[in-house]
mmCIF file of all heavy atoms, coordinates in Angstrom:
data_MODEL
# 
_entry.id   MODEL 
# 
loop_
_atom_site.group_PDB 
_atom_site.id 
_atom_site.type_symbol 
_atom_site.label_atom_id 
_atom_site.label_alt_id 
_atom_site.label_comp_id 
_atom_site.label_asym_id 
_atom_site.label_entity_id 
_atom_site.label_seq_id 
_atom_site.pdbx_PDB_ins_code 
_atom_site.Cartn_x 
_atom_site.Cartn_y 
_atom_site.Cartn_z 
_atom_site.occupancy 
_atom_site.B_iso_or_equiv 
_atom_site.pdbx_formal_charge 
_atom_site.auth_seq_id 
_atom_site.auth_comp_id 
_atom_site.auth_asym_id 
_atom_site.auth_atom_id 
_atom_site.pdbx_PDB_model_num 
ATOM 1   N N   . SER A 1 1  ? -8.291  66.313 -27.502 1.00 0.00 ? 1  SER A N   1 
ATOM 2   C CA  . SER A 1 1  ? -9.257  65.729 -28.380 1.00 0.00 ? 1  SER A CA  1 
ATOM 3   C C   . SER A 1 1  ? -8.532  64.914 -29.451 1.00 0.00 ? 1  SER A C   1 
ATOM 4   O O   . SER A 1 1  ? -7.375  65.241 -29.771 1.00 0.00 ? 1  SER A O   1 
ATOM 5   C CB  . SER A 1 1  ? -10.070 66.845 -29.051 1.00 0.00 ? 1  SER A CB  1 
ATOM 6   O OG  . SER A 1 1  ? -10.820 66.330 -30.139 1.00 0.00 ? 1  SER A OG  1 
ATOM 7   N N   . ASP A 1 2  ? -9.206  63.901 -30.019 1.00 0.00 ? 2  ASP A N   1 
ATOM 8   C CA  . ASP A 1 2  ? -8.556  63.135 -31.059 1.00 0.00 ? 2  ASP A CA  1 
ATOM 9   C C   . ASP A 1 2  ? -8.390  64.001 -32.344 1.00 0.00 ? 2  ASP A C   1 
ATOM 10  O O   . ASP A 1 2  ? -7.628  63.645 -33.221 1.00 0.00 ? 2  ASP A O   1 
ATOM 11  C CB  . ASP A 1 2  ? -9.242  61.821 -31.333 1.00 0.00 ? 2  ASP A CB  1 
ATOM 12  C CG  . ASP A 1 2  ? -10.629 61.959 -31.862 1.00 0.00 ? 2  ASP A CG  1 
ATOM 13  O OD1 . ASP A 1 2  ? -11.213 63.058 -31.829 1.00 0.00 ? 2  ASP A OD1 1 
ATOM 14  O OD2 . ASP A 1 2  ? -11.184 60.943 -32.332 1.00 0.00 ? 2  ASP A OD2 1 
ATOM 15  N N   . SER A 1 3  ? -9.095  65.095 -32.428 1.00 0.00 ? 3  SER A N   1 
ATOM 16  C CA  . SER A 1 3  ? -8.877  66.013 -33.575 1.00 0.00 ? 3  SER A CA  1 
ATOM 17  C C   . SER A 1 3  ? -7.511  66.674 -33.522 1.00 0.00 ? 3  SER A C   1 
ATOM 18  O O   . SER A 1 3  ? -7.074  67.221 -34.552 1.00 0.00 ? 3  SER A O   1 
ATOM 19  C CB  . SER A 1 3  ? -9.986  67.068 -33.633 1.00 0.00 ? 3  SER A CB  1 
ATOM 20  O OG  . SER A 1 3  ? -9.932  67.914 -32.523 1.00 0.00 ? 3  SER A OG  1 
ATOM 21  N N   . ASP A 1 4  ? -6.819  66.574 -32.395 1.00 0.00 ? 4  ASP A N   1 
ATOM 22  C CA  . ASP A 1 4  ? -5.491  67.140 -32.233 1.00 0.00 ? 4  ASP A CA  1 
ATOM 23  C C   . ASP A 1 4  ? -4.407  66.188 -32.745 1.00 0.00 ? 4  ASP A C   1 
ATOM 24  O O   . ASP A 1 4  ? -3.230  66.533 -32.812 1.00 0.00 ? 4  ASP A O   1 
ATOM 25  C CB  . ASP A 1 4  ? -5.203  67.448 -30.773 1.00 0.00 ? 4  ASP A CB  1 
ATOM 26  C CG  . ASP A 1 4  ? -6.202  68.420 -30.161 1.00 0.00 ? 4  ASP A CG  1 
ATOM 27  O OD1 . ASP A 1 4  ? -6.736  69.245 -30.910 1.00 0.00 ? 4  ASP A OD1 1 
ATOM 28  O OD2 . ASP A 1 4  ? -6.440  68.334 -28.957 1.00 0.00 ? 4  ASP A OD2 1 
ATOM 29  N N   . LEU A 1 5  ? -4.805  64.975 -33.101 1.00 0.00 ? 5  LEU A N   1 
ATOM 30  C CA  . LEU A 1 5  ? -3.839  63.952 -33.492 1.00 0.00 ? 5  LEU A CA  1 
ATOM 31  C C   . LEU A 1 5  ? -2.933  64.331 -34.665 1.00 0.00 ? 5  LEU A C   1 
ATOM 32  O O   . LEU A 1 5  ? -1.741  64.049 -34.596 1.00 0.00 ? 5  LEU A O   1 
ATOM 33  C CB  . LEU A 1 5  ? -4.604  62.628 -33.806 1.00 0.00 ? 5  LEU A CB  1 
ATOM 34  C CG  . LEU A 1 5  ? -3.732  61.425 -34.096 1.00 0.00 ? 5  LEU A CG  1 
ATOM 35  C CD1 . LEU A 1 5  ? -2.736  61.168 -32.953 1.00 0.00 ? 5  LEU A CD1 1 
ATOM 36  C CD2 . LEU A 1 5  ? -4.599  60.184 -34.336 1.00 0.00 ? 5  LEU A CD2 1 
ATOM 37  N N   . PRO A 1 6  ? -3.412  64.937 -35.729 1.00 0.00 ? 6  PRO A N   1 
ATOM 38  C CA  . PRO A 1 6  ? -2.493  65.263 -36.817 1.00 0.00 ? 6  PRO A CA  1 
ATOM 39  C C   . PRO A 1 6  ? -1.273  66.142 -36.381 1.00 0.00 ? 6  PRO A C   1 
ATOM 40  O O   . PRO A 1 6  ? -0.168  65.925 -36.876 1.00 0.00 ? 6  PRO A O   1 
ATOM 41  C CB  . PRO A 1 6  ? -3.370  66.029 -37.810 1.00 0.00 ? 6  PRO A CB  1 
ATOM 42  C CG  . PRO A 1 6  ? -4.732  65.525 -37.585 1.00 0.00 ? 6  PRO A CG  1 
ATOM 43  C CD  . PRO A 1 6  ? -4.809  65.293 -36.076 1.00 0.00 ? 6  PRO A CD  1 
ATOM 44  N N   . VAL A 1 7  ? -1.513  67.061 -35.457 1.00 0.00 ? 7  VAL A N   1 
ATOM 45  C CA  . VAL A 1 7  ? -0.387  67.857 -34.973 1.00 0.00 ? 7  VAL A CA  1 
ATOM 46  C C   . VAL A 1 7  ? 0.429   67.057 -33.931 1.00 0.00 ? 7  VAL A C   1 
ATOM 47  O O   . VAL A 1 7  ? 1.674   67.007 -34.016 1.00 0.00 ? 7  VAL A O   1 
ATOM 48  C CB  . VAL A 1 7  ? -0.891  69.177 -34.321 1.00 0.00 ? 7  VAL A CB  1 
ATOM 49  C CG1 . VAL A 1 7  ? 0.246   69.923 -33.651 1.00 0.00 ? 7  VAL A CG1 1 
ATOM 50  C CG2 . VAL A 1 7  ? -1.533  70.063 -35.390 1.00 0.00 ? 7  VAL A CG2 1 
ATOM 51  N N   . MET A 1 8  ? -0.218  66.417 -32.994 1.00 0.00 ? 8  MET A N   1 
ATOM 52  C CA  . MET A 1 8  ? 0.498   65.725 -31.913 1.00 0.00 ? 8  MET A CA  1 
ATOM 53  C C   . MET A 1 8  ? 1.232   64.495 -32.432 1.00 0.00 ? 8  MET A C   1 
ATOM 54  O O   . MET A 1 8  ? 2.198   64.076 -31.765 1.00 0.00 ? 8  MET A O   1 
ATOM 55  C CB  . MET A 1 8  ? -0.494  65.385 -30.788 1.00 0.00 ? 8  MET A CB  1 
ATOM 56  C CG  . MET A 1 8  ? -1.129  66.621 -30.147 1.00 0.00 ? 8  MET A CG  1 
ATOM 57  S SD  . MET A 1 8  ? 0.091   67.845 -29.573 1.00 0.00 ? 8  MET A SD  1 
ATOM 58  C CE  . MET A 1 8  ? 0.764   66.956 -28.203 1.00 0.00 ? 8  MET A CE  1 
ATOM 59  N N   . ALA A 1 9  ? 0.826   63.920 -33.519 1.00 0.00 ? 9  ALA A N   1 
ATOM 60  C CA  . ALA A 1 9  ? 1.541   62.798 -34.116 1.00 0.00 ? 9  ALA A CA  1 
ATOM 61  C C   . ALA A 1 9  ? 2.971   63.180 -34.487 1.00 0.00 ? 9  ALA A C   1 
ATOM 62  O O   . ALA A 1 9  ? 3.856   62.344 -34.544 1.00 0.00 ? 9  ALA A O   1 
ATOM 63  C CB  . ALA A 1 9  ? 0.785   62.244 -35.348 1.00 0.00 ? 9  ALA A CB  1 
ATOM 64  N N   . LYS A 1 10 ? 3.185   64.441 -34.754 1.00 0.00 ? 10 LYS A N   1 
ATOM 65  C CA  . LYS A 1 10 ? 4.538   64.910 -35.080 1.00 0.00 ? 10 LYS A CA  1 
ATOM 66  C C   . LYS A 1 10 ? 5.468   64.764 -33.876 1.00 0.00 ? 10 LYS A C   1 
ATOM 67  O O   . LYS A 1 10 ? 6.643   64.485 -34.005 1.00 0.00 ? 10 LYS A O   1 
ATOM 68  C CB  . LYS A 1 10 ? 4.488   66.387 -35.533 1.00 0.00 ? 10 LYS A CB  1 
ATOM 69  C CG  . LYS A 1 10 ? 3.750   66.537 -36.840 1.00 0.00 ? 10 LYS A CG  1 
ATOM 70  C CD  . LYS A 1 10 ? 3.577   67.995 -37.204 1.00 0.00 ? 10 LYS A CD  1 
ATOM 71  C CE  . LYS A 1 10 ? 2.683   68.108 -38.436 1.00 0.00 ? 10 LYS A CE  1 
ATOM 72  N NZ  . LYS A 1 10 ? 2.441   69.540 -38.797 1.00 0.00 ? 10 LYS A NZ  1 
ATOM 73  N N   . ALA A 1 11 ? 4.951   64.954 -32.669 1.00 0.00 ? 11 ALA A N   1 
ATOM 74  C CA  . ALA A 1 11 ? 5.751   64.681 -31.454 1.00 0.00 ? 11 ALA A CA  1 
ATOM 75  C C   . ALA A 1 11 ? 6.068   63.228 -31.311 1.00 0.00 ? 11 ALA A C   1 
ATOM 76  O O   . ALA A 1 11 ? 7.201   62.842 -31.001 1.00 0.00 ? 11 ALA A O   1 
ATOM 77  C CB  . ALA A 1 11 ? 5.002   65.192 -30.207 1.00 0.00 ? 11 ALA A CB  1 
ATOM 78  N N   . VAL A 1 12 ? 5.090   62.400 -31.556 1.00 0.00 ? 12 VAL A N   1 
ATOM 79  C CA  . VAL A 1 12 ? 5.287   60.953 -31.461 1.00 0.00 ? 12 VAL A CA  1 
ATOM 80  C C   . VAL A 1 12 ? 6.379   60.498 -32.419 1.00 0.00 ? 12 VAL A C   1 
ATOM 81  O O   . VAL A 1 12 ? 7.230   59.656 -32.074 1.00 0.00 ? 12 VAL A O   1 
ATOM 82  C CB  . VAL A 1 12 ? 3.946   60.194 -31.709 1.00 0.00 ? 12 VAL A CB  1 
ATOM 83  C CG1 . VAL A 1 12 ? 4.178   58.710 -31.924 1.00 0.00 ? 12 VAL A CG1 1 
ATOM 84  C CG2 . VAL A 1 12 ? 2.993   60.474 -30.582 1.00 0.00 ? 12 VAL A CG2 1 
ATOM 85  N N   . LYS A 1 13 ? 6.374   61.045 -33.646 1.00 0.00 ? 13 LYS A N   1 
ATOM 86  C CA  . LYS A 1 13 ? 7.367   60.641 -34.635 1.00 0.00 ? 13 LYS A CA  1 
ATOM 87  C C   . LYS A 1 13 ? 8.775   60.940 -34.126 1.00 0.00 ? 13 LYS A C   1 
ATOM 88  O O   . LYS A 1 13 ? 9.703   60.158 -34.278 1.00 0.00 ? 13 LYS A O   1 
ATOM 89  C CB  . LYS A 1 13 ? 7.115   61.357 -35.956 1.00 0.00 ? 13 LYS A CB  1 
ATOM 90  C CG  . LYS A 1 13 ? 8.047   60.927 -37.062 1.00 0.00 ? 13 LYS A CG  1 
ATOM 91  C CD  . LYS A 1 13 ? 7.704   61.566 -38.389 1.00 0.00 ? 13 LYS A CD  1 
ATOM 92  C CE  . LYS A 1 13 ? 8.707   61.101 -39.428 1.00 0.00 ? 13 LYS A CE  1 
ATOM 93  N NZ  . LYS A 1 13 ? 8.572   61.809 -40.680 1.00 0.00 ? 13 LYS A NZ  1 
ATOM 94  N N   . VAL A 1 14 ? 8.982   62.116 -33.530 1.00 0.00 ? 14 VAL A N   1 
ATOM 95  C CA  . VAL A 1 14 ? 10.303  62.509 -33.010 1.00 0.00 ? 14 VAL A CA  1 
ATOM 96  C C   . VAL A 1 14 ? 10.694  61.562 -31.884 1.00 0.00 ? 14 VAL A C   1 
ATOM 97  O O   . VAL A 1 14 ? 11.825  61.104 -31.807 1.00 0.00 ? 14 VAL A O   1 
ATOM 98  C CB  . VAL A 1 14 ? 10.308  63.972 -32.514 1.00 0.00 ? 14 VAL A CB  1 
ATOM 99  C CG1 . VAL A 1 14 ? 11.568  64.301 -31.747 1.00 0.00 ? 14 VAL A CG1 1 
ATOM 100 C CG2 . VAL A 1 14 ? 10.153  64.938 -33.704 1.00 0.00 ? 14 VAL A CG2 1 
ATOM 101 N N   . LEU A 1 15 ? 9.759   61.269 -30.979 1.00 0.00 ? 15 LEU A N   1 
ATOM 102 C CA  . LEU A 1 15 ? 10.066  60.371 -29.873 1.00 0.00 ? 15 LEU A CA  1 
ATOM 103 C C   . LEU A 1 15 ? 10.452  58.991 -30.415 1.00 0.00 ? 15 LEU A C   1 
ATOM 104 O O   . LEU A 1 15 ? 11.423  58.369 -29.927 1.00 0.00 ? 15 LEU A O   1 
ATOM 105 C CB  . LEU A 1 15 ? 8.857   60.231 -28.932 1.00 0.00 ? 15 LEU A CB  1 
ATOM 106 C CG  . LEU A 1 15 ? 8.412   61.500 -28.205 1.00 0.00 ? 15 LEU A CG  1 
ATOM 107 C CD1 . LEU A 1 15 ? 7.108   61.271 -27.483 1.00 0.00 ? 15 LEU A CD1 1 
ATOM 108 C CD2 . LEU A 1 15 ? 9.518   62.005 -27.301 1.00 0.00 ? 15 LEU A CD2 1 
ATOM 109 N N   . GLU A 1 16 ? 9.774   58.509 -31.440 1.00 0.00 ? 16 GLU A N   1 
ATOM 110 C CA  . GLU A 1 16 ? 10.125  57.229 -32.062 1.00 0.00 ? 16 GLU A CA  1 
ATOM 111 C C   . GLU A 1 16 ? 11.517  57.277 -32.680 1.00 0.00 ? 16 GLU A C   1 
ATOM 112 O O   . GLU A 1 16 ? 12.264  56.307 -32.594 1.00 0.00 ? 16 GLU A O   1 
ATOM 113 C CB  . GLU A 1 16 ? 9.056   56.813 -33.052 1.00 0.00 ? 16 GLU A CB  1 
ATOM 114 C CG  . GLU A 1 16 ? 7.747   56.399 -32.396 1.00 0.00 ? 16 GLU A CG  1 
ATOM 115 C CD  . GLU A 1 16 ? 6.636   56.093 -33.427 1.00 0.00 ? 16 GLU A CD  1 
ATOM 116 O OE1 . GLU A 1 16 ? 6.767   56.460 -34.604 1.00 0.00 ? 16 GLU A OE1 1 
ATOM 117 O OE2 . GLU A 1 16 ? 5.615   55.507 -32.995 1.00 0.00 ? 16 GLU A OE2 1 
ATOM 118 N N   . GLU A 1 17 ? 11.808  58.379 -33.350 1.00 0.00 ? 17 GLU A N   1 
ATOM 119 C CA  . GLU A 1 17 ? 13.134  58.502 -33.982 1.00 0.00 ? 17 GLU A CA  1 
ATOM 120 C C   . GLU A 1 17 ? 14.273  58.440 -32.952 1.00 0.00 ? 17 GLU A C   1 
ATOM 121 O O   . GLU A 1 17 ? 15.342  57.895 -33.258 1.00 0.00 ? 17 GLU A O   1 
ATOM 122 C CB  . GLU A 1 17 ? 13.222  59.829 -34.764 1.00 0.00 ? 17 GLU A CB  1 
ATOM 123 C CG  . GLU A 1 17 ? 12.384  59.819 -36.032 1.00 0.00 ? 17 GLU A CG  1 
ATOM 124 C CD  . GLU A 1 17 ? 12.285  61.182 -36.712 1.00 0.00 ? 17 GLU A CD  1 
ATOM 125 O OE1 . GLU A 1 17 ? 12.894  62.189 -36.162 1.00 0.00 ? 17 GLU A OE1 1 
ATOM 126 O OE2 . GLU A 1 17 ? 11.625  61.293 -37.728 1.00 0.00 ? 17 GLU A OE2 1 
ATOM 127 N N   . TYR A 1 18 ? 14.043  58.920 -31.761 1.00 0.00 ? 18 TYR A N   1 
ATOM 128 C CA  . TYR A 1 18 ? 15.028  58.892 -30.701 1.00 0.00 ? 18 TYR A CA  1 
ATOM 129 C C   . TYR A 1 18 ? 14.946  57.623 -29.853 1.00 0.00 ? 18 TYR A C   1 
ATOM 130 O O   . TYR A 1 18 ? 15.746  57.448 -28.941 1.00 0.00 ? 18 TYR A O   1 
ATOM 131 C CB  . TYR A 1 18 ? 14.910  60.085 -29.786 1.00 0.00 ? 18 TYR A CB  1 
ATOM 132 C CG  . TYR A 1 18 ? 15.509  61.375 -30.348 1.00 0.00 ? 18 TYR A CG  1 
ATOM 133 C CD1 . TYR A 1 18 ? 14.806  62.564 -30.361 1.00 0.00 ? 18 TYR A CD1 1 
ATOM 134 C CD2 . TYR A 1 18 ? 16.831  61.367 -30.847 1.00 0.00 ? 18 TYR A CD2 1 
ATOM 135 C CE1 . TYR A 1 18 ? 15.372  63.723 -30.873 1.00 0.00 ? 18 TYR A CE1 1 
ATOM 136 C CE2 . TYR A 1 18 ? 17.391  62.536 -31.356 1.00 0.00 ? 18 TYR A CE2 1 
ATOM 137 C CZ  . TYR A 1 18 ? 16.685  63.711 -31.384 1.00 0.00 ? 18 TYR A CZ  1 
ATOM 138 O OH  . TYR A 1 18 ? 17.237  64.836 -31.857 1.00 0.00 ? 18 TYR A OH  1 
ATOM 139 N N   . GLY A 1 19 ? 13.981  56.783 -30.132 1.00 0.00 ? 19 GLY A N   1 
ATOM 140 C CA  . GLY A 1 19 ? 13.813  55.564 -29.365 1.00 0.00 ? 19 GLY A CA  1 
ATOM 141 C C   . GLY A 1 19 ? 13.287  55.795 -27.951 1.00 0.00 ? 19 GLY A C   1 
ATOM 142 O O   . GLY A 1 19 ? 13.579  55.026 -27.041 1.00 0.00 ? 19 GLY A O   1 
ATOM 143 N N   . ILE A 1 20 ? 12.530  56.853 -27.766 1.00 0.00 ? 20 ILE A N   1 
ATOM 144 C CA  . ILE A 1 20 ? 11.986  57.203 -26.453 1.00 0.00 ? 20 ILE A CA  1 
ATOM 145 C C   . ILE A 1 20 ? 10.647  56.539 -26.295 1.00 0.00 ? 20 ILE A C   1 
ATOM 146 O O   . ILE A 1 20 ? 9.743   56.721 -27.121 1.00 0.00 ? 20 ILE A O   1 
ATOM 147 C CB  . ILE A 1 20 ? 11.861  58.706 -26.292 1.00 0.00 ? 20 ILE A CB  1 
ATOM 148 C CG1 . ILE A 1 20 ? 13.248  59.365 -26.369 1.00 0.00 ? 20 ILE A CG1 1 
ATOM 149 C CG2 . ILE A 1 20 ? 11.162  59.063 -24.978 1.00 0.00 ? 20 ILE A CG2 1 
ATOM 150 C CD1 . ILE A 1 20 ? 13.216  60.897 -26.453 1.00 0.00 ? 20 ILE A CD1 1 
ATOM 151 N N   . PRO A 1 21 ? 10.474  55.751 -25.235 1.00 0.00 ? 21 PRO A N   1 
ATOM 152 C CA  . PRO A 1 21 ? 9.141   55.135 -25.020 1.00 0.00 ? 21 PRO A CA  1 
ATOM 153 C C   . PRO A 1 21 ? 8.112   56.201 -24.666 1.00 0.00 ? 21 PRO A C   1 
ATOM 154 O O   . PRO A 1 21 ? 8.415   57.185 -24.025 1.00 0.00 ? 21 PRO A O   1 
ATOM 155 C CB  . PRO A 1 21 ? 9.383   54.164 -23.854 1.00 0.00 ? 21 PRO A CB  1 
ATOM 156 C CG  . PRO A 1 21 ? 10.591  54.675 -23.156 1.00 0.00 ? 21 PRO A CG  1 
ATOM 157 C CD  . PRO A 1 21 ? 11.412  55.401 -24.158 1.00 0.00 ? 21 PRO A CD  1 
ATOM 158 N N   . TYR A 1 22 ? 6.885   55.954 -25.093 1.00 0.00 ? 22 TYR A N   1 
ATOM 159 C CA  . TYR A 1 22 ? 5.812   56.944 -24.899 1.00 0.00 ? 22 TYR A CA  1 
ATOM 160 C C   . TYR A 1 22 ? 4.482   56.255 -24.790 1.00 0.00 ? 22 TYR A C   1 
ATOM 161 O O   . TYR A 1 22 ? 4.318   55.079 -25.190 1.00 0.00 ? 22 TYR A O   1 
ATOM 162 C CB  . TYR A 1 22 ? 5.797   57.984 -26.024 1.00 0.00 ? 22 TYR A CB  1 
ATOM 163 C CG  . TYR A 1 22 ? 5.388   57.395 -27.338 1.00 0.00 ? 22 TYR A CG  1 
ATOM 164 C CD1 . TYR A 1 22 ? 4.038   57.353 -27.704 1.00 0.00 ? 22 TYR A CD1 1 
ATOM 165 C CD2 . TYR A 1 22 ? 6.311   56.838 -28.181 1.00 0.00 ? 22 TYR A CD2 1 
ATOM 166 C CE1 . TYR A 1 22 ? 3.662   56.787 -28.900 1.00 0.00 ? 22 TYR A CE1 1 
ATOM 167 C CE2 . TYR A 1 22 ? 5.936   56.269 -29.393 1.00 0.00 ? 22 TYR A CE2 1 
ATOM 168 C CZ  . TYR A 1 22 ? 4.594   56.244 -29.731 1.00 0.00 ? 22 TYR A CZ  1 
ATOM 169 O OH  . TYR A 1 22 ? 4.192   55.648 -30.930 1.00 0.00 ? 22 TYR A OH  1 
ATOM 170 N N   . GLU A 1 23 ? 3.539   56.970 -24.273 1.00 0.00 ? 23 GLU A N   1 
ATOM 171 C CA  . GLU A 1 23 ? 2.131   56.614 -24.329 1.00 0.00 ? 23 GLU A CA  1 
ATOM 172 C C   . GLU A 1 23 ? 1.373   57.854 -24.804 1.00 0.00 ? 23 GLU A C   1 
ATOM 173 O O   . GLU A 1 23 ? 1.766   58.966 -24.435 1.00 0.00 ? 23 GLU A O   1 
ATOM 174 C CB  . GLU A 1 23 ? 1.579   56.223 -22.983 1.00 0.00 ? 23 GLU A CB  1 
ATOM 175 C CG  . GLU A 1 23 ? 2.053   54.849 -22.462 1.00 0.00 ? 23 GLU A CG  1 
ATOM 176 C CD  . GLU A 1 23 ? 1.418   54.489 -21.142 1.00 0.00 ? 23 GLU A CD  1 
ATOM 177 O OE1 . GLU A 1 23 ? 0.363   55.095 -20.758 1.00 0.00 ? 23 GLU A OE1 1 
ATOM 178 O OE2 . GLU A 1 23 ? 1.997   53.637 -20.461 1.00 0.00 ? 23 GLU A OE2 1 
ATOM 179 N N   . ALA A 1 24 ? 0.330   57.649 -25.560 1.00 0.00 ? 24 ALA A N   1 
ATOM 180 C CA  . ALA A 1 24 ? -0.533  58.756 -26.008 1.00 0.00 ? 24 ALA A CA  1 
ATOM 181 C C   . ALA A 1 24 ? -1.942  58.531 -25.511 1.00 0.00 ? 24 ALA A C   1 
ATOM 182 O O   . ALA A 1 24 ? -2.415  57.381 -25.482 1.00 0.00 ? 24 ALA A O   1 
ATOM 183 C CB  . ALA A 1 24 ? -0.498  58.883 -27.546 1.00 0.00 ? 24 ALA A CB  1 
# 
């Protein structure tokens, strides 16, 4: 659910810090 975004955005931030491509 998009209500999960505040928690799951923390994963995205780590992936971005490592330069790992992702899709959400």
